[in-house]
Protein backbone atom coordinates (compact mmCIF):
# COMPACT_ATOMS: atom_id res chain seq x y z
CA MET A 1 81.79 129.35 119.73
CA LYS A 2 83.66 128.08 122.54
CA LYS A 3 81.94 124.68 122.39
CA MET A 4 82.92 124.43 118.73
CA LEU A 5 86.53 125.28 119.60
CA LEU A 6 86.72 122.69 122.41
CA ALA A 7 85.08 120.11 120.28
CA LEU A 8 87.70 120.75 117.51
CA ILE A 9 90.57 120.50 120.08
CA CYS A 10 89.20 117.24 121.48
CA LEU A 11 88.94 116.01 117.97
CA VAL A 12 92.54 116.81 117.16
CA PHE A 13 93.80 114.99 120.29
CA VAL A 14 91.67 111.84 119.70
CA VAL A 15 92.67 111.70 115.92
CA GLY A 16 96.34 112.55 116.47
CA CYS A 17 96.69 109.20 118.51
CA GLY A 18 97.55 106.70 116.04
CA LYS A 19 97.38 102.88 116.63
CA ARG A 20 100.19 101.31 118.64
CA TYR A 21 99.79 98.19 120.35
CA VAL A 22 101.44 94.76 121.25
CA ILE A 23 99.52 91.49 120.64
CA PRO A 24 100.94 88.83 123.25
CA ASP A 25 101.64 85.28 122.21
CA ALA A 26 99.56 82.35 123.64
CA THR A 27 101.99 81.66 126.39
CA GLY A 28 102.14 85.24 127.71
CA SER A 29 105.89 85.05 127.84
CA GLY A 30 106.20 88.06 125.51
CA PRO A 31 104.75 89.83 122.33
CA SER A 32 103.85 87.99 119.21
CA LYS A 33 103.03 90.78 117.09
CA ILE A 34 103.65 94.67 117.12
CA VAL A 35 101.44 97.25 115.35
CA VAL A 36 102.42 101.08 115.03
CA SER A 37 101.19 103.74 112.81
CA ALA A 38 103.02 106.89 111.26
CA TYR A 39 102.42 109.70 108.66
CA THR A 40 104.52 108.08 106.02
CA ASN A 41 105.63 104.34 104.77
CA ASP A 42 109.15 104.82 105.80
CA GLY A 43 108.19 106.40 109.24
CA CYS A 44 106.05 103.42 109.79
CA ARG A 45 108.88 101.09 109.45
CA GLU A 46 111.07 103.23 111.51
CA GLU A 47 108.58 103.47 114.35
CA LEU A 48 108.22 99.71 114.07
CA GLN A 49 111.88 99.12 114.61
CA ASN A 50 111.91 101.60 117.43
CA GLU A 51 109.14 99.94 119.25
CA ALA A 52 110.79 96.39 118.83
CA SER A 53 114.19 97.94 120.21
CA ARG A 54 112.31 99.37 123.09
CA LEU A 55 110.62 95.94 123.79
CA GLY A 56 113.91 94.08 123.15
CA VAL A 57 112.88 91.77 120.49
CA GLN A 58 113.54 91.41 116.74
CA ILE A 59 110.74 91.52 114.27
CA ARG A 60 109.97 90.71 110.67
CA LEU A 61 107.74 93.12 108.90
CA THR A 62 104.48 91.32 107.72
CA ASP A 63 102.08 94.22 106.65
CA VAL A 64 102.22 97.91 105.66
CA SER A 65 98.71 99.48 104.93
CA SER A 66 97.50 102.74 104.40
CA ASP A 67 94.07 104.12 105.19
CA LEU A 68 93.68 107.39 103.05
CA GLY A 69 89.71 107.43 103.32
CA TRP A 70 88.48 110.25 105.62
CA GLY A 71 91.65 110.62 107.15
CA ILE A 72 93.09 112.53 104.24
CA LEU A 73 91.02 115.40 105.38
CA LEU A 74 93.03 115.46 108.78
CA TRP A 75 96.39 114.79 107.34
CA PRO A 76 98.41 116.92 109.69
CA PHE A 77 96.87 115.05 112.65
CA TYR A 78 95.88 111.50 111.20
CA LYS A 79 98.67 108.64 111.01
CA SER A 80 97.29 106.96 107.94
CA TYR A 81 100.08 104.14 107.64
CA THR A 82 99.88 100.93 109.77
CA CYS A 83 102.68 98.64 109.89
CA THR A 84 102.48 95.04 111.56
CA GLY A 85 105.49 93.05 112.66
CA GLU A 86 105.76 89.69 113.78
CA VAL A 87 108.42 88.77 116.56
CA ILE A 88 111.07 86.49 115.59
CA LYS A 89 111.45 83.62 118.09
CA LYS A 90 115.12 82.75 118.87
């Protein structure tokens, strides 16, 4: 029973971590794309704006996708919306 509970807790922590990463540009001078995830479409866009503000760049939203496959069963823990934004060069 303890092993099952521990496995469930580990699964919650692993699944609860959504996608969030920055793709650097070819010169290495800064980010080229930013990818974040959230529970809702609007939340995803807001997270993308927050991440861009934190990095001090301006972005243009290029893609919003939803993965409601197996993740729908883990809804409270699974961030199914993924937003990708391209950094606007000044």
